[in-house]
């Protein structure tokens, strides 16, 4: 691609500006500079609000429910754009509003989609009658969970720390309505030694 060449800018002698030049005393230029700085600050604020509202925002993980995948104190970028064009998928880590108090946010993994049958048997997650061998889970679930069917417009979420997670198995959380999902966690950016892109595990891709 070629760039259009702009005409050269005219140069003037600051000591002899000529009849077409206009010069302001330094005191008169200060308000203009302050106004320009103010406009730049307002523009930056509007851009930041747009990004936080429609593109993504940062969250800090609190608690052990997503161990070993996520540790307390780690910081995530959660993007909102993808779910404007498609629904959440199994294995994605999401942030959603706590149903009992929408001012609180939870981070969990989607394991069940609308219409899925989800259960915990023999320490394993079962989806639609098939066991899911989750390589990211280090400890099997101690307690069984009877099979349930995920309602339309809702999702079944679980923490990777299966024995210490308040998730869809708990009636206080239950099935998560689509409208409570804030977005998809895509990137862990802090601490620096654990920077990583968060992608769905392979074990979910073979499920129908």
C-alpha atoms as a PDB file:
ATOM      1  CA  UNK A   1       0.000   0.000   0.000  1.00  0.00           C
ATOM      2  CA  UNK A   2       1.331   3.411  -0.858  1.00  0.00           C
ATOM      3  CA  UNK A   3       1.017   6.401   1.393  1.00  0.00           C
ATOM      4  CA  UNK A   4      -0.064   9.675  -0.077  1.00  0.00           C
ATOM      5  CA  UNK A   5       2.682  12.240   0.138  1.00  0.00           C
ATOM      6  CA  UNK A   6       1.603  15.373   1.940  1.00  0.00           C
ATOM      7  CA  UNK A   7       2.799  18.832   0.794  1.00  0.00           C
ATOM      8  CA  UNK A   8       5.712  20.186   2.758  1.00  0.00           C
ATOM      9  CA  UNK A   9       4.819  22.434   5.671  1.00  0.00           C
ATOM     10  CA  UNK A  10       5.839  26.063   5.398  1.00  0.00           C
ATOM     11  CA  UNK A  11       8.471  27.309   7.835  1.00  0.00           C
ATOM     12  CA  UNK A  12       8.513  30.743   9.406  1.00  0.00           C
ATOM     13  CA  UNK A  13      11.152  32.723  11.192  1.00  0.00           C
ATOM     14  CA  UNK A  14      10.067  33.097  14.832  1.00  0.00           C
ATOM     15  CA  UNK A  15      11.734  36.519  14.962  1.00  0.00           C
ATOM     16  CA  UNK A  16       9.954  37.673  11.779  1.00  0.00           C
ATOM     17  CA  UNK A  17       6.667  35.775  11.603  1.00  0.00           C
ATOM     18  CA  UNK A  18       5.372  37.789   8.660  1.00  0.00           C
ATOM     19  CA  UNK A  19       1.953  39.305   8.155  1.00  0.00           C
ATOM     20  CA  UNK A  20       0.038  36.010   7.997  1.00  0.00           C
ATOM     21  CA  UNK A  21       1.359  34.607  11.310  1.00  0.00           C
ATOM     22  CA  UNK A  22      -0.433  35.022  14.613  1.00  0.00           C
ATOM     23  CA  UNK A  23       1.405  34.844  17.918  1.00  0.00           C
ATOM     24  CA  UNK A  24      -0.051  34.773  21.423  1.00  0.00           C
ATOM     25  CA  UNK A  25       1.673  35.738  24.651  1.00  0.00           C
ATOM     26  CA  UNK A  26       2.604  32.724  26.819  1.00  0.00           C
ATOM     27  CA  UNK A  27      -0.041  33.676  29.398  1.00  0.00           C
ATOM     28  CA  UNK A  28      -2.756  33.585  26.723  1.00  0.00           C
ATOM     29  CA  UNK A  29      -1.683  30.132  25.486  1.00  0.00           C
ATOM     30  CA  UNK A  30      -2.094  28.445  28.895  1.00  0.00           C
ATOM     31  CA  UNK A  31      -5.919  28.239  28.863  1.00  0.00           C
ATOM     32  CA  UNK A  32      -5.789  26.717  25.389  1.00  0.00           C
ATOM     33  CA  UNK A  33      -3.299  24.093  26.561  1.00  0.00           C
ATOM     34  CA  UNK A  34      -5.392  23.317  29.635  1.00  0.00           C
ATOM     35  CA  UNK A  35      -8.489  22.954  27.469  1.00  0.00           C
ATOM     36  CA  UNK A  36      -6.637  20.625  25.117  1.00  0.00           C
ATOM     37  CA  UNK A  37      -5.386  18.509  28.036  1.00  0.00           C
ATOM     38  CA  UNK A  38      -8.918  18.398  29.426  1.00  0.00           C
ATOM     39  CA  UNK A  39     -10.332  17.188  26.110  1.00  0.00           C
ATOM     40  CA  UNK A  40      -7.635  14.485  25.914  1.00  0.00           C
ATOM     41  CA  UNK A  41      -8.434  13.313  29.459  1.00  0.00           C
ATOM     42  CA  UNK A  42     -12.167  13.162  28.727  1.00  0.00           C
ATOM     43  CA  UNK A  43     -11.486  11.220  25.513  1.00  0.00           C
ATOM     44  CA  UNK A  44      -9.288   8.733  27.371  1.00  0.00           C
ATOM     45  CA  UNK A  45     -11.973   8.275  30.047  1.00  0.00           C
ATOM     46  CA  UNK A  46     -14.675   7.665  27.432  1.00  0.00           C
ATOM     47  CA  UNK A  47     -12.444   5.123  25.677  1.00  0.00           C
ATOM     48  CA  UNK A  48     -11.716   3.340  28.964  1.00  0.00           C
ATOM     49  CA  UNK A  49     -15.433   3.195  29.824  1.00  0.00           C
ATOM     50  CA  UNK A  50     -16.215   1.859  26.345  1.00  0.00           C
ATOM     51  CA  UNK A  51     -13.592  -0.883  26.686  1.00  0.00           C
ATOM     52  CA  UNK A  52     -14.780  -1.847  30.190  1.00  0.00           C
ATOM     53  CA  UNK A  53     -18.426  -1.908  29.108  1.00  0.00           C
ATOM     54  CA  UNK A  54     -18.263  -3.598  25.716  1.00  0.00           C
ATOM     55  CA  UNK A  55     -14.831  -5.186  25.274  1.00  0.00           C
ATOM     56  CA  UNK A  56     -13.388  -6.471  28.520  1.00  0.00           C
ATOM     57  CA  UNK A  57     -12.236  -5.762  32.044  1.00  0.00           C
ATOM     58  CA  UNK A  58      -9.837  -7.061  34.671  1.00  0.00           C
ATOM     59  CA  UNK A  59     -10.767  -9.287  37.601  1.00  0.00           C
ATOM     60  CA  UNK A  60      -8.765 -10.629  40.536  1.00  0.00           C
ATOM     61  CA  UNK A  61      -9.267 -14.244  41.621  1.00  0.00           C
ATOM     62  CA  UNK A  62     -10.229 -14.692  45.261  1.00  0.00           C
ATOM     63  CA  UNK A  63     -10.274 -18.047  47.019  1.00  0.00           C
ATOM     64  CA  UNK A  64      -9.212 -21.618  46.161  1.00  0.00           C
ATOM     65  CA  UNK A  65     -12.209 -22.855  44.143  1.00  0.00           C
ATOM     66  CA  UNK A  66     -10.396 -22.882  40.785  1.00  0.00           C
ATOM     67  CA  UNK A  67      -7.186 -24.562  41.932  1.00  0.00           C
ATOM     68  CA  UNK A  68      -4.920 -25.711  40.366  1.00  0.00           C
ATOM     69  CA  UNK A  69      -5.872 -23.697  37.254  1.00  0.00           C
ATOM     70  CA  UNK A  70      -6.245 -20.330  38.989  1.00  0.00           C
ATOM     71  CA  UNK A  71      -4.747 -19.201  42.275  1.00  0.00           C
ATOM     72  CA  UNK A  72      -6.054 -16.579  44.658  1.00  0.00           C
ATOM     73  CA  UNK A  73      -4.617 -13.167  43.832  1.00  0.00           C
ATOM     74  CA  UNK A  74      -4.088 -13.868  40.144  1.00  0.00           C
ATOM     75  CA  UNK A  75      -5.469 -11.321  37.707  1.00  0.00           C
ATOM     76  CA  UNK A  76      -7.516 -12.090  34.616  1.00  0.00           C
ATOM     77  CA  UNK A  77      -8.690 -10.285  31.523  1.00  0.00           C
ATOM     78  CA  UNK A  78     -12.346 -11.096  30.866  1.00  0.00           C
ATOM     79  CA  UNK A  79     -13.642 -10.224  27.406  1.00  0.00           C
ATOM     80  CA  UNK A  80     -17.297  -9.584  26.598  1.00  0.00           C
ATOM     81  CA  UNK A  81     -17.311  -9.518  22.807  1.00  0.00           C
ATOM     82  CA  UNK A  82     -17.325 -13.247  21.976  1.00  0.00           C
ATOM     83  CA  UNK A  83     -20.625 -13.966  23.703  1.00  0.00           C
ATOM     84  CA  UNK A  84     -22.317 -11.247  21.685  1.00  0.00           C
ATOM     85  CA  UNK A  85     -21.886 -13.517  18.652  1.00  0.00           C
ATOM     86  CA  UNK A  86     -22.021 -17.047  20.075  1.00  0.00           C
ATOM     87  CA  UNK A  87     -23.031 -18.803  23.309  1.00  0.00           C
ATOM     88  CA  UNK A  88     -20.541 -20.072  25.906  1.00  0.00           C
ATOM     89  CA  UNK A  89     -18.912 -23.444  25.247  1.00  0.00           C
ATOM     90  CA  UNK A  90     -17.997 -26.323  27.526  1.00  0.00           C
ATOM     91  CA  UNK A  91     -14.634 -25.946  29.187  1.00  0.00           C
ATOM     92  CA  UNK A  92     -14.490 -22.151  28.993  1.00  0.00           C
ATOM     93  CA  UNK A  93     -13.695 -20.245  32.162  1.00  0.00           C
ATOM     94  CA  UNK A  94     -16.273 -17.543  32.730  1.00  0.00           C
ATOM     95  CA  UNK A  95     -17.054 -14.767  35.172  1.00  0.00           C
ATOM     96  CA  UNK A  96     -20.692 -14.370  36.177  1.00  0.00           C
ATOM     97  CA  UNK A  97     -22.754 -12.487  38.711  1.00  0.00           C
ATOM     98  CA  UNK A  98     -23.682 -14.430  41.844  1.00  0.00           C
ATOM     99  CA  UNK A  99     -27.431 -15.127  41.581  1.00  0.00           C
ATOM    100  CA  UNK A 100     -28.114 -14.258  45.242  1.00  0.00           C
ATOM    101  CA  UNK A 101     -26.163 -11.015  45.070  1.00  0.00           C
ATOM    102  CA  UNK A 102     -25.470  -9.722  41.534  1.00  0.00           C
ATOM    103  CA  UNK A 103     -22.911  -7.259  42.898  1.00  0.00           C
ATOM    104  CA  UNK A 104     -20.592 -10.214  43.569  1.00  0.00           C
ATOM    105  CA  UNK A 105     -18.717 -12.020  40.786  1.00  0.00           C
ATOM    106  CA  UNK A 106     -17.747 -15.690  40.578  1.00  0.00           C
ATOM    107  CA  UNK A 107     -15.232 -17.359  38.280  1.00  0.00           C
ATOM    108  CA  UNK A 108     -15.952 -20.988  37.279  1.00  0.00           C
ATOM    109  CA  UNK A 109     -15.721 -23.368  34.339  1.00  0.00           C
ATOM    110  CA  UNK A 110     -18.683 -24.124  32.074  1.00  0.00           C
ATOM    111  CA  UNK A 111     -19.278 -27.901  32.058  1.00  0.00           C
ATOM    112  CA  UNK A 112     -22.919 -28.141  31.021  1.00  0.00           C
ATOM    113  CA  UNK A 113     -24.783 -26.409  28.189  1.00  0.00           C
ATOM    114  CA  UNK A 114     -28.559 -25.950  27.849  1.00  0.00           C
ATOM    115  CA  UNK A 115     -30.115 -29.391  27.423  1.00  0.00           C
ATOM    116  CA  UNK A 116     -27.057 -31.303  28.765  1.00  0.00           C
ATOM    117  CA  UNK A 117     -27.426 -33.970  31.433  1.00  0.00           C
ATOM    118  CA  UNK A 118     -24.742 -33.471  34.100  1.00  0.00           C
ATOM    119  CA  UNK A 119     -23.772 -35.751  36.999  1.00  0.00           C
ATOM    120  CA  UNK A 120     -20.882 -36.657  39.294  1.00  0.00           C
ATOM    121  CA  UNK A 121     -20.355 -40.397  39.699  1.00  0.00           C
ATOM    122  CA  UNK A 122     -17.352 -42.273  41.042  1.00  0.00           C
ATOM    123  CA  UNK A 123     -15.550 -38.957  41.388  1.00  0.00           C
ATOM    124  CA  UNK A 124     -15.861 -38.182  37.674  1.00  0.00           C
ATOM    125  CA  UNK A 125     -17.870 -35.635  35.740  1.00  0.00           C
ATOM    126  CA  UNK A 126     -20.448 -37.223  33.416  1.00  0.00           C
ATOM    127  CA  UNK A 127     -22.080 -35.322  30.570  1.00  0.00           C
ATOM    128  CA  UNK A 128     -24.893 -36.890  28.548  1.00  0.00           C
ATOM    129  CA  UNK A 129     -23.949 -40.333  29.821  1.00  0.00           C
ATOM    130  CA  UNK A 130     -20.223 -40.009  29.001  1.00  0.00           C
ATOM    131  CA  UNK A 131     -17.397 -39.637  31.545  1.00  0.00           C
ATOM    132  CA  UNK A 132     -15.147 -36.629  31.059  1.00  0.00           C
ATOM    133  CA  UNK A 133     -11.499 -37.197  31.930  1.00  0.00           C
ATOM    134  CA  UNK A 134     -10.473 -33.743  33.067  1.00  0.00           C
ATOM    135  CA  UNK A 135      -6.707 -33.431  33.007  1.00  0.00           C
ATOM    136  CA  UNK A 136      -6.824 -30.098  34.858  1.00  0.00           C
ATOM    137  CA  UNK A 137      -8.516 -31.585  37.961  1.00  0.00           C
ATOM    138  CA  UNK A 138      -6.009 -32.937  40.488  1.00  0.00           C
ATOM    139  CA  UNK A 139      -8.483 -34.381  43.029  1.00  0.00           C
ATOM    140  CA  UNK A 140     -11.641 -36.303  42.221  1.00  0.00           C
ATOM    141  CA  UNK A 141     -14.936 -35.177  43.693  1.00  0.00           C
ATOM    142  CA  UNK A 142     -15.651 -36.899  47.003  1.00  0.00           C
ATOM    143  CA  UNK A 143     -19.420 -36.503  46.859  1.00  0.00           C
ATOM    144  CA  UNK A 144     -21.658 -37.799  44.102  1.00  0.00           C
ATOM    145  CA  UNK A 145     -24.141 -35.495  42.399  1.00  0.00           C
ATOM    146  CA  UNK A 146     -27.338 -36.882  40.858  1.00  0.00           C
ATOM    147  CA  UNK A 147     -27.939 -36.333  37.174  1.00  0.00           C
ATOM    148  CA  UNK A 148     -29.722 -33.093  36.297  1.00  0.00           C
ATOM    149  CA  UNK A 149     -30.764 -31.573  32.992  1.00  0.00           C
ATOM    150  CA  UNK A 150     -29.623 -28.026  32.308  1.00  0.00           C
ATOM    151  CA  UNK A 151     -32.609 -25.798  31.432  1.00  0.00           C
ATOM    152  CA  UNK A 152     -32.735 -23.747  28.270  1.00  0.00           C
ATOM    153  CA  UNK A 153     -30.943 -20.441  28.598  1.00  0.00           C
ATOM    154  CA  UNK A 154     -28.855 -21.688  31.535  1.00  0.00           C
ATOM    155  CA  UNK A 155     -25.417 -23.209  32.148  1.00  0.00           C
ATOM    156  CA  UNK A 156     -23.926 -25.634  34.653  1.00  0.00           C
ATOM    157  CA  UNK A 157     -20.633 -24.378  36.096  1.00  0.00           C
ATOM    158  CA  UNK A 158     -18.089 -25.966  38.417  1.00  0.00           C
ATOM    159  CA  UNK A 159     -14.835 -24.996  40.061  1.00  0.00           C
ATOM    160  CA  UNK A 160     -11.758 -27.031  39.186  1.00  0.00           C
ATOM    161  CA  UNK A 161     -11.209 -27.637  42.903  1.00  0.00           C
ATOM    162  CA  UNK A 162     -14.142 -30.032  43.033  1.00  0.00           C
ATOM    163  CA  UNK A 163     -14.143 -30.515  46.803  1.00  0.00           C
ATOM    164  CA  UNK A 164     -13.943 -26.831  47.698  1.00  0.00           C
ATOM    165  CA  UNK A 165     -16.117 -24.912  45.290  1.00  0.00           C
ATOM    166  CA  UNK A 166     -19.475 -23.160  45.579  1.00  0.00           C
ATOM    167  CA  UNK A 167     -20.872 -23.847  42.129  1.00  0.00           C
ATOM    168  CA  UNK A 168     -23.943 -25.197  40.307  1.00  0.00           C
ATOM    169  CA  UNK A 169     -24.061 -28.196  42.639  1.00  0.00           C
ATOM    170  CA  UNK A 170     -24.950 -25.756  45.421  1.00  0.00           C
ATOM    171  CA  UNK A 171     -28.596 -24.613  45.388  1.00  0.00           C
ATOM    172  CA  UNK A 172     -27.439 -21.088  46.263  1.00  0.00           C
ATOM    173  CA  UNK A 173     -25.773 -20.945  42.842  1.00  0.00           C
ATOM    174  CA  UNK A 174     -27.656 -23.479  40.747  1.00  0.00           C
ATOM    175  CA  UNK A 175     -27.955 -23.148  36.991  1.00  0.00           C
ATOM    176  CA  UNK A 176     -26.530 -19.867  35.730  1.00  0.00           C
ATOM    177  CA  UNK A 177     -28.837 -17.786  33.497  1.00  0.00           C
ATOM    178  CA  UNK A 178     -27.202 -16.486  30.342  1.00  0.00           C
ATOM    179  CA  UNK A 179     -27.895 -12.892  31.322  1.00  0.00           C
ATOM    180  CA  UNK A 180     -25.745 -13.206  34.470  1.00  0.00           C
ATOM    181  CA  UNK A 181     -22.617 -14.192  32.517  1.00  0.00           C
ATOM    182  CA  UNK A 182     -20.235 -11.241  32.305  1.00  0.00           C
ATOM    183  CA  UNK A 183     -17.743 -12.718  29.874  1.00  0.00           C
ATOM    184  CA  UNK A 184     -15.020 -15.222  29.052  1.00  0.00           C
ATOM    185  CA  UNK A 185     -11.711 -15.263  30.923  1.00  0.00           C
ATOM    186  CA  UNK A 186      -9.068 -15.361  28.192  1.00  0.00           C
ATOM    187  CA  UNK A 187      -5.795 -14.290  29.733  1.00  0.00           C
ATOM    188  CA  UNK A 188      -4.024 -14.498  33.089  1.00  0.00           C
ATOM    189  CA  UNK A 189      -1.697 -11.490  33.101  1.00  0.00           C
ATOM    190  CA  UNK A 190      -0.460 -11.512  36.703  1.00  0.00           C
ATOM    191  CA  UNK A 191       1.775 -12.721  38.270  1.00  0.00           C
ATOM    192  CA  UNK A 192       4.297 -12.405  35.460  1.00  0.00           C
ATOM    193  CA  UNK A 193       5.681 -15.921  35.883  1.00  0.00           C
ATOM    194  CA  UNK A 194       2.209 -17.421  35.345  1.00  0.00           C
ATOM    195  CA  UNK A 195       1.098 -15.383  32.326  1.00  0.00           C
ATOM    196  CA  UNK A 196      -1.020 -17.657  30.146  1.00  0.00           C
ATOM    197  CA  UNK A 197      -3.869 -17.756  27.658  1.00  0.00           C
ATOM    198  CA  UNK A 198      -6.861 -19.692  29.019  1.00  0.00           C
ATOM    199  CA  UNK A 199      -8.208 -22.197  26.496  1.00  0.00           C
ATOM    200  CA  UNK A 200     -10.837 -24.965  26.829  1.00  0.00           C
ATOM    201  CA  UNK A 201      -9.352 -28.400  27.639  1.00  0.00           C
ATOM    202  CA  UNK A 202      -9.180 -31.045  24.941  1.00  0.00           C
ATOM    203  CA  UNK A 203     -11.410 -33.396  26.953  1.00  0.00           C
ATOM    204  CA  UNK A 204     -14.517 -31.324  26.159  1.00  0.00           C
ATOM    205  CA  UNK A 205     -13.987 -31.209  22.411  1.00  0.00           C
ATOM    206  CA  UNK A 206     -14.880 -34.844  21.854  1.00  0.00           C
ATOM    207  CA  UNK A 207     -18.309 -34.481  23.472  1.00  0.00           C
ATOM    208  CA  UNK A 208     -21.353 -34.165  21.201  1.00  0.00           C
END
